[in-house]
Amino acid sequence: MFPLLETLVAVYEIGQFTMAADELKVSQSTVSSRIAQLERMVGAPLFERNAKSDVTPTEAGRLLYQVAIGIDGTWRDAQERIARMRESREPFSMLFSHTTATVLLPEALRRASGELHHFDLAVHMLNSDAILEQVGMKAAHLGVVEKPIVNDSVDRVTLREDRLVLAGDPDGVWMMREHGSGVRYYTDLYFKTAGVSPADAIEVGNNAAIVAAIAAGFGQSLVSADTVPAGVPTRDPGEEFVRRFYALTPRSGLTHDQRALADAIIGVLRG
């Protein structure tokens, strides 16, 4: 139907079959055939043929022309709306704890980068407890944490093991992450199991800052072995300080594509 109405509009506006055929890039016989088909469908002539190949629309032709341009406008609007829908991207927010950002985020970004045509990707660093809260509230689509936490609104998947070490000067000041951090959870566990009660300690809310201070020769801390710069002395805190990284996703609320991307990234991070 659209080629027929498109031909009607061209003939009506140009006033000639031959020039309309040129504009539509079809043969004159095709234009004549389409107009004849329309005339059979409506049961009335649409144009009066004049001398010198000119045509004049009949009353039926004028009426059908108004209908045709209305349909054409609606069709073009629909095409533009569909194009905008295809161009729009779904949001996808990932939250990483500070250690998992250092160790796992590059792999996650490599996997997600192939989907940038379809997703608006955002990445933020929070401590593990805050990530659990955000994922449970569906404020994020994927969370990666470093302690075994979960709630009724979240699914948890084990990713891989991570060995913790005591890094830095054994006589240096202790640097610790804030409460709610995965590293702080294990630091407190180490103090309890080793009977350590540091007289002086500094709370630092960023794992990279702690590692940078240790690399500069200041203090000591419990950190992931994968984050320790070359040349920094380390000690083994014990067998029980091999922890795991976990992926958290909302149990509901993800679109099919968001769920598929989350599963794909989890698959990569599980190795």
Foldseek 3Di string as FASTA:
>chain_A
DLVLLLLLLLCAVVQALCVSCVVVVHHSVVSVVSQVVVCVVVVHHQWDADPPRGIHGDPVSVVSNVVSVVVVVVVVVVVVVVVVVQQDAAEAEEEEEQQCCVVPVVLLCVLCVVCVSHYDYYYYYDAQQVQQVCQLVVVHFKYKAFADDHDPFKDKDWAFKWAKWKWADPPAAEEAEDPRHNQNVVQVVLCVVVVNDDPGYHYDHHPLVVLVCRVVRHGIYIGTPVSHDPPIDIHHSDDVRTTTMMMMGGPDDDDPVSVVSNVVSSVSRSD
